[in-house]
Amino acid sequence: MESSDAKINIAYIDAANLDRAIRDLQWKLDYKKFRVWLADKYKVERAYIFIGLIPKYKDLYTYFQECGFTLVFKEVVYQGSGVPKGNCDTDLIMQAIDDAYEDRLEKALLISSDGDYAPLVKKLQVRNQFLGILSPAPAKKCSILLKRTNAPIAYINDQKKLLQIK
């Protein structure tokens, strides 16, 4: 169990990026198995999910919390077409930097395929606080900007048999 002054491994999950990529791959992620796998494989003690807050999805949010995730909500705005947009990139980056500079972070695991996170990866690498990238998208769709950081990248789809809802 984590103590208040111990540094821990933390996962930072871009929910929209994860959901979109897994849907594109046409399978469903079992979040309960996923959370256990993150703890077992990467020694993740806290896993943040950065997600847009839409009231009709409150049951989903409860499920994520029951699986052991810490939710960080972003207010959504609706585009002209009525599509909700809750861009969580900045929130994720700020949380990771806060954790690093407040000495809560041993190593960070980024769960996203989005190149916007490349500067965060580089900053945490310099501080020796970066574990790796877990890309929801396959290699050909993972951002070249993330690849150029030379951080270790694993692909969630490689764990499909283990992590999908049966």
N, C-alpha and C. Protein backbone atom coordinates (compact mmCIF):
# COMPACT_ATOMS: atom_id res chain seq x y z
N MET A 1 0.85 -1.19 0.00
CA MET A 1 0.00 0.00 0.00
C MET A 1 0.89 1.24 0.00
N GLU A 2 0.44 2.29 -0.66
CA GLU A 2 1.28 3.48 -0.75
C GLU A 2 1.22 4.30 0.54
N SER A 3 2.37 4.83 0.91
CA SER A 3 2.38 5.75 2.05
C SER A 3 2.43 7.16 1.49
N SER A 4 2.12 8.14 2.31
CA SER A 4 1.98 9.50 1.82
C SER A 4 3.29 10.09 1.32
N ASP A 5 4.45 9.58 1.79
CA ASP A 5 5.70 10.17 1.35
C ASP A 5 6.48 9.26 0.40
N ALA A 6 5.91 8.14 -0.02
CA ALA A 6 6.60 7.23 -0.94
C ALA A 6 6.31 7.65 -2.38
N LYS A 7 7.34 7.54 -3.20
CA LYS A 7 7.14 7.77 -4.63
C LYS A 7 6.57 6.50 -5.24
N ILE A 8 5.66 6.67 -6.17
CA ILE A 8 4.98 5.51 -6.77
C ILE A 8 4.97 5.62 -8.30
N ASN A 9 4.73 4.48 -8.95
CA ASN A 9 4.51 4.47 -10.39
C ASN A 9 3.06 4.87 -10.64
N ILE A 10 2.88 5.79 -11.57
CA ILE A 10 1.55 6.32 -11.87
C ILE A 10 1.29 6.21 -13.37
N ALA A 11 0.10 5.73 -13.73
CA ALA A 11 -0.34 5.69 -15.12
C ALA A 11 -1.21 6.92 -15.40
N TYR A 12 -0.97 7.53 -16.54
CA TYR A 12 -1.75 8.70 -16.99
C TYR A 12 -2.45 8.27 -18.28
N ILE A 13 -3.77 8.18 -18.22
CA ILE A 13 -4.55 7.62 -19.32
C ILE A 13 -5.42 8.68 -19.98
N ASP A 14 -5.22 8.85 -21.27
CA ASP A 14 -6.05 9.73 -22.08
C ASP A 14 -7.26 8.88 -22.51
N ALA A 15 -8.39 9.05 -21.81
CA ALA A 15 -9.56 8.18 -22.01
C ALA A 15 -10.08 8.21 -23.44
N ALA A 16 -10.17 9.38 -24.03
CA ALA A 16 -10.72 9.48 -25.39
C ALA A 16 -9.80 8.77 -26.38
N ASN A 17 -8.49 8.94 -26.22
CA ASN A 17 -7.52 8.31 -27.10
C ASN A 17 -7.59 6.78 -26.96
N LEU A 18 -7.67 6.31 -25.73
CA LEU A 18 -7.76 4.87 -25.47
C LEU A 18 -9.05 4.29 -26.06
N ASP A 19 -10.16 4.92 -25.76
CA ASP A 19 -11.46 4.42 -26.23
C ASP A 19 -11.55 4.39 -27.75
N ARG A 20 -11.13 5.47 -28.39
CA ARG A 20 -11.20 5.57 -29.85
C ARG A 20 -10.33 4.50 -30.51
N ALA A 21 -9.12 4.32 -30.02
CA ALA A 21 -8.20 3.34 -30.63
C ALA A 21 -8.71 1.91 -30.48
N ILE A 22 -9.19 1.57 -29.28
CA ILE A 22 -9.69 0.21 -29.05
C ILE A 22 -10.94 -0.04 -29.89
N ARG A 23 -11.80 0.97 -30.01
CA ARG A 23 -12.99 0.82 -30.86
C ARG A 23 -12.59 0.62 -32.31
N ASP A 24 -11.58 1.39 -32.78
CA ASP A 24 -11.09 1.24 -34.16
C ASP A 24 -10.56 -0.17 -34.40
N LEU A 25 -10.00 -0.78 -33.36
CA LEU A 25 -9.47 -2.15 -33.47
C LEU A 25 -10.57 -3.20 -33.30
N GLN A 26 -11.78 -2.74 -32.99
CA GLN A 26 -13.00 -3.55 -32.93
C GLN A 26 -12.98 -4.63 -31.83
N TRP A 27 -12.56 -4.20 -30.64
CA TRP A 27 -12.71 -5.06 -29.47
C TRP A 27 -12.99 -4.20 -28.27
N LYS A 28 -13.42 -4.83 -27.18
CA LYS A 28 -13.77 -4.10 -25.96
C LYS A 28 -12.77 -4.41 -24.86
N LEU A 29 -12.27 -3.37 -24.23
CA LEU A 29 -11.29 -3.50 -23.16
C LEU A 29 -12.00 -3.79 -21.84
N ASP A 30 -11.53 -4.81 -21.14
CA ASP A 30 -12.02 -5.12 -19.80
C ASP A 30 -11.19 -4.28 -18.82
N TYR A 31 -11.78 -3.21 -18.33
CA TYR A 31 -11.04 -2.25 -17.50
C TYR A 31 -10.59 -2.85 -16.17
N LYS A 32 -11.36 -3.80 -15.65
CA LYS A 32 -10.97 -4.44 -14.40
C LYS A 32 -9.68 -5.24 -14.60
N LYS A 33 -9.63 -6.04 -15.67
CA LYS A 33 -8.42 -6.79 -16.01
C LYS A 33 -7.27 -5.84 -16.33
N PHE A 34 -7.58 -4.77 -17.03
CA PHE A 34 -6.58 -3.79 -17.44
C PHE A 34 -5.90 -3.17 -16.21
N ARG A 35 -6.71 -2.82 -15.21
CA ARG A 35 -6.15 -2.20 -14.00
C ARG A 35 -5.24 -3.17 -13.25
N VAL A 36 -5.65 -4.41 -13.14
CA VAL A 36 -4.83 -5.44 -12.49
C VAL A 36 -3.54 -5.65 -13.29
N TRP A 37 -3.65 -5.71 -14.60
CA TRP A 37 -2.49 -5.91 -15.47
C TRP A 37 -1.50 -4.75 -15.32
N LEU A 38 -2.01 -3.52 -15.23
CA LEU A 38 -1.12 -2.35 -15.04
C LEU A 38 -0.34 -2.49 -13.73
N ALA A 39 -1.02 -2.95 -12.69
CA ALA A 39 -0.36 -3.13 -11.39
C ALA A 39 0.68 -4.25 -11.46
N ASP A 40 0.31 -5.36 -12.08
CA ASP A 40 1.22 -6.51 -12.15
C ASP A 40 2.41 -6.26 -13.07
N LYS A 41 2.15 -5.75 -14.26
CA LYS A 41 3.21 -5.60 -15.27
C LYS A 41 4.08 -4.37 -15.02
N TYR A 42 3.46 -3.25 -14.63
CA TYR A 42 4.20 -1.99 -14.52
C TYR A 42 4.30 -1.45 -13.09
N LYS A 43 3.79 -2.22 -12.13
CA LYS A 43 3.81 -1.80 -10.72
C LYS A 43 3.12 -0.44 -10.53
N VAL A 44 2.05 -0.22 -11.29
CA VAL A 44 1.27 1.03 -11.20
C VAL A 44 0.41 0.99 -9.94
N GLU A 45 0.64 1.95 -9.06
CA GLU A 45 -0.16 2.05 -7.83
C GLU A 45 -1.32 3.01 -7.97
N ARG A 46 -1.19 4.00 -8.83
CA ARG A 46 -2.30 4.93 -9.09
C ARG A 46 -2.43 5.05 -10.61
N ALA A 47 -3.67 4.98 -11.08
CA ALA A 47 -3.94 5.10 -12.51
C ALA A 47 -5.02 6.16 -12.72
N TYR A 48 -4.58 7.29 -13.27
CA TYR A 48 -5.51 8.38 -13.55
C TYR A 48 -6.14 8.17 -14.92
N ILE A 49 -7.45 8.36 -15.01
CA ILE A 49 -8.13 8.43 -16.30
C ILE A 49 -8.62 9.87 -16.46
N PHE A 50 -8.15 10.52 -17.50
CA PHE A 50 -8.56 11.89 -17.82
C PHE A 50 -9.67 11.79 -18.84
N ILE A 51 -10.85 12.33 -18.45
CA ILE A 51 -12.06 12.07 -19.22
C ILE A 51 -13.01 13.26 -19.16
N GLY A 52 -13.73 13.47 -20.26
CA GLY A 52 -14.75 14.51 -20.29
C GLY A 52 -15.93 14.12 -19.42
N LEU A 53 -16.49 15.10 -18.73
CA LEU A 53 -17.62 14.84 -17.83
C LEU A 53 -18.94 15.04 -18.57
N ILE A 54 -19.65 13.91 -18.78
CA ILE A 54 -20.95 13.92 -19.43
C ILE A 54 -21.90 13.15 -18.50
N PRO A 55 -22.87 13.84 -17.90
CA PRO A 55 -23.72 13.23 -16.87
C PRO A 55 -24.32 11.87 -17.23
N LYS A 56 -24.70 11.67 -18.49
CA LYS A 56 -25.35 10.39 -18.85
C LYS A 56 -24.40 9.20 -18.73
N TYR A 57 -23.10 9.44 -18.56
CA TYR A 57 -22.12 8.35 -18.42
C TYR A 57 -21.72 8.10 -16.98
N LYS A 58 -22.54 8.54 -16.02
CA LYS A 58 -22.17 8.40 -14.60
C LYS A 58 -21.95 6.94 -14.20
N ASP A 59 -22.70 6.01 -14.79
CA ASP A 59 -22.49 4.59 -14.47
C ASP A 59 -21.13 4.10 -14.95
N LEU A 60 -20.69 4.59 -16.09
CA LEU A 60 -19.36 4.25 -16.60
C LEU A 60 -18.28 4.77 -15.65
N TYR A 61 -18.46 6.00 -15.18
CA TYR A 61 -17.48 6.60 -14.26
C TYR A 61 -17.42 5.80 -12.96
N THR A 62 -18.57 5.36 -12.47
CA THR A 62 -18.61 4.54 -11.26
C THR A 62 -17.87 3.22 -11.50
N TYR A 63 -18.10 2.62 -12.65
CA TYR A 63 -17.42 1.37 -13.01
C TYR A 63 -15.90 1.56 -13.02
N PHE A 64 -15.43 2.63 -13.64
CA PHE A 64 -13.98 2.90 -13.67
C PHE A 64 -13.42 3.00 -12.25
N GLN A 65 -14.14 3.70 -11.38
CA GLN A 65 -13.69 3.85 -9.99
C GLN A 65 -13.69 2.51 -9.28
N GLU A 66 -14.70 1.68 -9.52
CA GLU A 66 -14.75 0.35 -8.91
C GLU A 66 -13.60 -0.53 -9.39
N CYS A 67 -13.11 -0.27 -10.60
CA CYS A 67 -11.98 -1.02 -11.14
C CYS A 67 -10.64 -0.55 -10.56
N GLY A 68 -10.67 0.57 -9.84
CA GLY A 68 -9.45 1.06 -9.21
C GLY A 68 -8.80 2.26 -9.87
N PHE A 69 -9.50 2.90 -10.79
CA PHE A 69 -8.96 4.09 -11.45
C PHE A 69 -9.35 5.35 -10.69
N THR A 70 -8.50 6.36 -10.78
CA THR A 70 -8.78 7.69 -10.24
C THR A 70 -9.21 8.55 -11.42
N LEU A 71 -10.42 9.07 -11.37
CA LEU A 71 -10.93 9.86 -12.49
C LEU A 71 -10.61 11.34 -12.31
N VAL A 72 -10.19 11.96 -13.40
CA VAL A 72 -9.96 13.40 -13.44
C VAL A 72 -10.85 13.92 -14.57
N PHE A 73 -11.86 14.70 -14.18
CA PHE A 73 -12.86 15.14 -15.15
C PHE A 73 -12.51 16.47 -15.80
N LYS A 74 -12.89 16.58 -17.05
CA LYS A 74 -12.75 17.81 -17.80
C LYS A 74 -14.15 18.21 -18.25
N GLU A 75 -14.48 19.48 -18.06
CA GLU A 75 -15.76 19.97 -18.56
C GLU A 75 -15.76 19.87 -20.08
N VAL A 76 -16.85 19.39 -20.64
CA VAL A 76 -16.93 19.27 -22.10
C VAL A 76 -17.65 20.47 -22.70
N VAL A 77 -17.28 20.77 -23.91
CA VAL A 77 -18.01 21.76 -24.70
C VAL A 77 -18.55 20.99 -25.91
N TYR A 78 -19.63 21.50 -26.45
CA TYR A 78 -20.25 20.82 -27.57
C TYR A 78 -19.97 21.58 -28.85
N GLN A 79 -19.46 20.86 -29.84
CA GLN A 79 -19.18 21.47 -31.13
C GLN A 79 -20.49 21.72 -31.84
N GLY A 80 -20.46 22.48 -32.91
CA GLY A 80 -21.66 22.82 -33.66
C GLY A 80 -22.51 21.62 -34.03
N SER A 81 -21.86 20.49 -34.27
CA SER A 81 -22.56 19.26 -34.66
C SER A 81 -23.17 18.54 -33.46
N GLY A 82 -22.96 19.09 -32.25
CA GLY A 82 -23.48 18.45 -31.04
C GLY A 82 -22.55 17.40 -30.46
N VAL A 83 -21.37 17.23 -31.08
CA VAL A 83 -20.39 16.25 -30.60
C VAL A 83 -19.64 16.85 -29.41
N PRO A 84 -19.60 16.11 -28.29
CA PRO A 84 -18.89 16.63 -27.11
C PRO A 84 -17.38 16.62 -27.32
N LYS A 85 -16.72 17.66 -26.82
CA LYS A 85 -15.26 17.76 -26.90
C LYS A 85 -14.75 18.10 -25.50
N GLY A 86 -13.97 17.19 -24.94
CA GLY A 86 -13.39 17.41 -23.62
C GLY A 86 -11.90 17.13 -23.69
N ASN A 87 -11.15 18.04 -24.29
CA ASN A 87 -9.73 17.83 -24.51
C ASN A 87 -8.98 17.83 -23.18
N CYS A 88 -8.47 16.69 -22.80
CA CYS A 88 -7.85 16.50 -21.48
C CYS A 88 -6.32 16.57 -21.50
N ASP A 89 -5.73 16.83 -22.66
CA ASP A 89 -4.27 16.78 -22.78
C ASP A 89 -3.57 17.65 -21.74
N THR A 90 -3.99 18.88 -21.62
CA THR A 90 -3.33 19.80 -20.70
C THR A 90 -3.49 19.35 -19.26
N ASP A 91 -4.67 18.85 -18.91
CA ASP A 91 -4.92 18.37 -17.55
C ASP A 91 -3.98 17.20 -17.23
N LEU A 92 -3.84 16.28 -18.17
CA LEU A 92 -2.96 15.13 -17.97
C LEU A 92 -1.52 15.60 -17.78
N ILE A 93 -1.07 16.48 -18.64
CA ILE A 93 0.30 17.00 -18.56
C ILE A 93 0.54 17.70 -17.22
N MET A 94 -0.39 18.54 -16.82
CA MET A 94 -0.22 19.27 -15.56
C MET A 94 -0.19 18.33 -14.36
N GLN A 95 -1.03 17.29 -14.37
CA GLN A 95 -1.03 16.33 -13.27
C GLN A 95 0.32 15.60 -13.19
N ALA A 96 0.83 15.18 -14.34
CA ALA A 96 2.12 14.46 -14.36
C ALA A 96 3.26 15.35 -13.89
N ILE A 97 3.26 16.60 -14.33
CA ILE A 97 4.32 17.54 -13.91
C ILE A 97 4.20 17.82 -12.41
N ASP A 98 2.96 18.04 -11.94
CA ASP A 98 2.75 18.23 -10.49
C ASP A 98 3.28 17.03 -9.70
N ASP A 99 2.92 15.82 -10.13
CA ASP A 99 3.36 14.62 -9.43
C ASP A 99 4.89 14.52 -9.43
N ALA A 100 5.51 14.86 -10.55
CA ALA A 100 6.97 14.80 -10.65
C ALA A 100 7.62 15.82 -9.73
N TYR A 101 7.16 17.04 -9.78
CA TYR A 101 7.81 18.12 -9.03
C TYR A 101 7.44 18.13 -7.55
N GLU A 102 6.35 17.46 -7.20
CA GLU A 102 5.96 17.36 -5.79
C GLU A 102 6.49 16.06 -5.16
N ASP A 103 7.34 15.36 -5.90
CA ASP A 103 8.00 14.14 -5.41
C ASP A 103 7.05 13.00 -5.09
N ARG A 104 5.95 12.91 -5.82
CA ARG A 104 5.03 11.78 -5.65
C ARG A 104 5.31 10.68 -6.67
N LEU A 105 6.05 11.02 -7.71
CA LEU A 105 6.21 10.14 -8.87
C LEU A 105 7.56 9.43 -8.87
N GLU A 106 7.49 8.11 -8.89
CA GLU A 106 8.70 7.31 -9.15
C GLU A 106 8.89 7.25 -10.66
N LYS A 107 7.93 6.60 -11.35
CA LYS A 107 7.97 6.49 -12.81
C LYS A 107 6.56 6.67 -13.38
N ALA A 108 6.49 7.32 -14.53
CA ALA A 108 5.21 7.56 -15.21
C ALA A 108 5.04 6.60 -16.38
N LEU A 109 3.81 6.12 -16.54
CA LEU A 109 3.42 5.33 -17.70
C LEU A 109 2.34 6.12 -18.43
N LEU A 110 2.60 6.47 -19.68
CA LEU A 110 1.64 7.22 -20.48
C LEU A 110 0.82 6.24 -21.31
N ILE A 111 -0.51 6.37 -21.24
CA ILE A 111 -1.37 5.53 -22.06
C ILE A 111 -2.10 6.43 -23.05
N SER A 112 -1.48 6.54 -24.21
CA SER A 112 -1.99 7.37 -25.30
C SER A 112 -1.10 7.14 -26.52
N SER A 113 -1.63 7.49 -27.68
CA SER A 113 -0.86 7.43 -28.93
C SER A 113 -0.65 8.82 -29.49
N ASP A 114 -1.00 9.84 -28.70
CA ASP A 114 -1.05 11.23 -29.13
C ASP A 114 0.31 11.93 -29.00
N GLY A 115 0.79 12.44 -30.11
CA GLY A 115 2.08 13.13 -30.14
C GLY A 115 2.14 14.41 -29.33
N ASP A 116 1.00 14.94 -28.92
CA ASP A 116 0.99 16.14 -28.08
C ASP A 116 1.70 15.89 -26.75
N TYR A 117 1.84 14.62 -26.37
CA TYR A 117 2.49 14.30 -25.10
C TYR A 117 4.01 14.15 -25.21
N ALA A 118 4.57 14.29 -26.39
CA ALA A 118 6.02 14.12 -26.57
C ALA A 118 6.84 15.04 -25.66
N PRO A 119 6.49 16.32 -25.50
CA PRO A 119 7.28 17.17 -24.59
C PRO A 119 7.24 16.68 -23.15
N LEU A 120 6.11 16.15 -22.70
CA LEU A 120 6.00 15.59 -21.35
C LEU A 120 6.93 14.39 -21.22
N VAL A 121 6.90 13.50 -22.20
CA VAL A 121 7.76 12.32 -22.18
C VAL A 121 9.22 12.75 -22.07
N LYS A 122 9.63 13.71 -22.89
CA LYS A 122 11.02 14.18 -22.86
C LYS A 122 11.40 14.77 -21.51
N LYS A 123 10.52 15.57 -20.94
CA LYS A 123 10.78 16.19 -19.63
C LYS A 123 10.94 15.12 -18.55
N LEU A 124 10.06 14.14 -18.54
CA LEU A 124 10.14 13.08 -17.53
C LEU A 124 11.35 12.16 -17.77
N GLN A 125 11.74 11.99 -19.03
CA GLN A 125 12.95 11.21 -19.32
C GLN A 125 14.19 11.90 -18.73
N VAL A 126 14.28 13.20 -18.89
CA VAL A 126 15.41 13.97 -18.35
C VAL A 126 15.49 13.79 -16.84
N ARG A 127 14.33 13.72 -16.19
CA ARG A 127 14.27 13.56 -14.73
C ARG A 127 14.36 12.09 -14.30
N ASN A 128 14.55 11.19 -15.27
CA ASN A 128 14.60 9.75 -15.00
C ASN A 128 13.32 9.27 -14.29
N GLN A 129 12.18 9.81 -14.72
CA GLN A 129 10.90 9.46 -14.11
C GLN A 129 9.92 8.91 -15.14
N PHE A 130 10.44 8.36 -16.23
CA PHE A 130 9.53 7.86 -17.26
C PHE A 130 9.73 6.37 -17.48
N LEU A 131 8.63 5.64 -17.38
CA LEU A 131 8.63 4.19 -17.53
C LEU A 131 8.45 3.79 -18.99
N GLY A 132 7.47 4.39 -19.65
CA GLY A 132 7.21 4.05 -21.04
C GLY A 132 5.84 4.50 -21.50
N ILE A 133 5.57 4.16 -22.75
CA ILE A 133 4.31 4.51 -23.41
C ILE A 133 3.57 3.21 -23.69
N LEU A 134 2.30 3.21 -23.36
CA LEU A 134 1.42 2.11 -23.72
C LEU A 134 0.45 2.68 -24.74
N SER A 135 0.68 2.33 -25.99
CA SER A 135 -0.10 2.90 -27.08
C SER A 135 -1.37 2.10 -27.35
N PRO A 136 -2.52 2.77 -27.27
CA PRO A 136 -3.76 2.08 -27.63
C PRO A 136 -3.85 1.80 -29.13
N ALA A 137 -3.22 2.65 -29.92
CA ALA A 137 -3.24 2.48 -31.38
C ALA A 137 -2.12 1.54 -31.80
N PRO A 138 -2.29 0.86 -32.93
CA PRO A 138 -1.21 0.02 -33.43
C PRO A 138 0.00 0.87 -33.84
N ALA A 139 1.13 0.23 -34.02
CA ALA A 139 2.40 0.93 -34.30
C ALA A 139 2.26 1.94 -35.44
N LYS A 140 1.57 1.55 -36.51
CA LYS A 140 1.49 2.44 -37.67
C LYS A 140 0.66 3.70 -37.39
N LYS A 141 -0.15 3.67 -36.32
CA LYS A 141 -0.98 4.84 -36.01
C LYS A 141 -0.52 5.59 -34.76
N CYS A 142 0.50 5.08 -34.09
CA CYS A 142 1.07 5.78 -32.94
C CYS A 142 1.90 6.95 -33.45
N SER A 143 1.78 8.09 -32.84
CA SER A 143 2.43 9.31 -33.33
C SER A 143 3.94 9.16 -33.49
N ILE A 144 4.44 9.66 -34.60
CA ILE A 144 5.88 9.69 -34.86
C ILE A 144 6.58 10.55 -33.80
N LEU A 145 5.88 11.55 -33.27
CA LEU A 145 6.49 12.40 -32.24
C LEU A 145 6.78 11.61 -30.97
N LEU A 146 5.88 10.67 -30.62
CA LEU A 146 6.14 9.80 -29.47
C LEU A 146 7.30 8.84 -29.79
N LYS A 147 7.31 8.30 -30.99
CA LYS A 147 8.37 7.38 -31.39
C LYS A 147 9.74 8.06 -31.35
N ARG A 148 9.78 9.31 -31.72
CA ARG A 148 11.06 10.05 -31.75
C ARG A 148 11.63 10.33 -30.35
N THR A 149 10.83 10.13 -29.30
CA THR A 149 11.36 10.32 -27.94
C THR A 149 12.28 9.17 -27.55
N ASN A 150 12.23 8.08 -28.32
CA ASN A 150 12.98 6.85 -28.01
C ASN A 150 12.57 6.21 -26.69
N ALA A 151 11.40 6.59 -26.18
CA ALA A 151 10.87 5.93 -24.98
C ALA A 151 10.39 4.53 -25.39
N PRO A 152 10.44 3.59 -24.45
CA PRO A 152 9.87 2.26 -24.77
C PRO A 152 8.38 2.39 -25.05
N ILE A 153 7.93 1.75 -26.13
CA ILE A 153 6.51 1.77 -26.49
C ILE A 153 6.01 0.33 -26.59
N ALA A 154 4.93 0.04 -25.86
CA ALA A 154 4.25 -1.25 -25.98
C ALA A 154 2.85 -0.95 -26.53
N TYR A 155 2.26 -1.94 -27.15
CA TYR A 155 0.97 -1.74 -27.81
C TYR A 155 -0.11 -2.59 -27.12
N ILE A 156 -1.17 -1.92 -26.68
CA ILE A 156 -2.23 -2.60 -25.96
C ILE A 156 -2.82 -3.74 -26.78
N ASN A 157 -2.90 -3.55 -28.09
CA ASN A 157 -3.49 -4.59 -28.94
C ASN A 157 -2.72 -5.92 -28.84
N ASP A 158 -1.43 -5.85 -28.49
CA ASP A 158 -0.65 -7.08 -28.29
C ASP A 158 -1.15 -7.89 -27.10
N GLN A 159 -1.93 -7.24 -26.23
CA GLN A 159 -2.48 -7.90 -25.03
C GLN A 159 -3.98 -8.19 -25.18
N LYS A 160 -4.48 -8.12 -26.41
CA LYS A 160 -5.91 -8.26 -26.65
C LYS A 160 -6.50 -9.52 -26.02
N LYS A 161 -5.84 -10.67 -26.21
CA LYS A 161 -6.37 -11.93 -25.67
C LYS A 161 -6.55 -11.87 -24.15
N LEU A 162 -5.64 -11.19 -23.50
CA LEU A 162 -5.66 -11.09 -22.04
C LEU A 162 -6.65 -10.03 -21.53
N LEU A 163 -6.77 -8.93 -22.28
CA LEU A 163 -7.48 -7.75 -21.76
C LEU A 163 -8.87 -7.49 -22.34
N GLN A 164 -9.27 -8.27 -23.33
CA GLN A 164 -10.59 -7.99 -23.91
C GLN A 164 -11.71 -8.62 -23.10
N ILE A 165 -12.88 -8.01 -23.20
CA ILE A 165 -14.09 -8.59 -22.60
C ILE A 165 -14.44 -9.81 -23.44
N LYS A 166 -14.57 -10.94 -22.78
CA LYS A 166 -14.86 -12.20 -23.50
C LYS A 166 -16.32 -12.27 -23.89
